[in-house]
Amino acid sequence: MFPSLAEWKLFNYLSDWKTVGADIQRKDEEVYGGFWRSLKKQMDAGTAPHSWGKAFVLSNYEASGVDELGAIYAA
């Protein structure tokens, strides 16, 4: 089986995909993290509407090995 492109040293040398990917992730974290923090504030205040995100937060996702960033993307 062939290694993925991400494992090829020449590909990594010629491409800036890691930099582009890190920038995209940073921007995603800003946007989705804002929604996440807003939902958690609403839940703390008892004003969060019923939603999949609210059910996910209440599901004890940490016990399933999901970290904060994973939860942000999932919710």
Protein backbone atom coordinates (compact mmCIF):
# COMPACT_ATOMS: atom_id res chain seq x y z
CA MET A 1 0.00 0.00 0.00
CA PHE A 2 1.27 3.46 -0.87
CA PRO A 3 1.70 6.17 1.79
CA SER A 4 -0.61 9.15 1.68
CA LEU A 5 0.52 12.40 0.07
CA ALA A 6 0.80 13.94 3.53
CA GLU A 7 3.60 11.48 4.30
CA TRP A 8 5.67 12.30 1.19
CA LYS A 9 8.51 14.63 2.10
CA LEU A 10 8.73 16.06 -1.45
CA PHE A 11 5.00 16.86 -1.48
CA ASN A 12 5.27 18.61 1.87
CA TYR A 13 8.29 20.53 0.63
CA LEU A 14 6.55 21.72 -2.55
CA SER A 15 3.12 22.37 -1.10
CA ASP A 16 1.88 24.73 1.60
CA TRP A 17 -1.12 22.54 2.39
CA LYS A 18 -0.29 22.37 6.09
CA THR A 19 -0.20 26.16 6.39
CA VAL A 20 -3.44 26.51 4.44
CA GLY A 21 -5.09 23.76 6.49
CA ALA A 22 -4.00 25.32 9.79
CA ASP A 23 -5.42 28.69 8.68
CA ILE A 24 -8.73 27.10 7.70
CA GLN A 25 -8.93 25.27 11.04
CA ARG A 26 -8.18 28.49 12.96
CA LYS A 27 -10.99 30.30 11.12
CA ASP A 28 -13.38 27.37 11.65
CA GLU A 29 -12.56 27.34 15.36
CA GLU A 30 -13.38 31.05 15.60
CA VAL A 31 -16.76 30.66 13.90
CA TYR A 32 -17.93 27.33 15.33
CA GLY A 33 -16.33 28.06 18.70
CA GLY A 34 -18.45 31.22 18.88
CA PHE A 35 -21.61 29.18 18.33
CA TRP A 36 -20.40 26.67 20.95
CA ARG A 37 -19.68 29.29 23.58
CA SER A 38 -23.01 30.99 22.90
CA LEU A 39 -24.89 27.71 23.29
CA LYS A 40 -23.10 26.93 26.56
CA LYS A 41 -23.92 30.43 27.92
CA GLN A 42 -27.57 29.94 26.96
CA MET A 43 -27.57 26.55 28.65
CA ASP A 44 -26.06 28.03 31.82
CA ALA A 45 -28.77 30.70 31.78
CA GLY A 46 -31.49 28.12 31.07
CA THR A 47 -32.52 29.84 27.85
CA ALA A 48 -31.09 27.45 25.24
CA PRO A 49 -33.70 26.19 22.79
CA HIS A 50 -34.05 22.47 22.20
CA SER A 51 -31.52 21.47 19.55
CA TRP A 52 -29.16 18.69 18.57
CA GLY A 53 -26.26 20.76 19.91
CA LYS A 54 -27.90 21.08 23.31
CA ALA A 55 -28.57 17.34 23.44
CA PHE A 56 -24.96 16.71 22.45
CA VAL A 57 -23.63 18.92 25.27
CA LEU A 58 -25.88 17.11 27.74
CA SER A 59 -24.74 13.70 26.45
CA ASN A 60 -21.49 13.69 28.47
CA TYR A 61 -19.41 13.60 25.28
CA GLU A 62 -16.18 13.74 27.29
CA ALA A 63 -16.81 10.21 28.57
CA SER A 64 -16.75 9.04 24.93
CA GLY A 65 -13.30 10.55 24.40
CA VAL A 66 -14.45 13.62 22.50
CA ASP A 67 -12.36 16.70 23.29
CA GLU A 68 -13.55 20.31 23.22
CA LEU A 69 -12.51 20.90 19.60
CA GLY A 70 -14.19 17.69 18.48
CA ALA A 71 -17.33 18.70 20.33
CA ILE A 72 -17.27 22.13 18.69
CA TYR A 73 -17.18 20.53 15.25
CA ALA A 74 -19.78 17.89 16.14
CA ALA A 75 -22.30 20.29 17.61
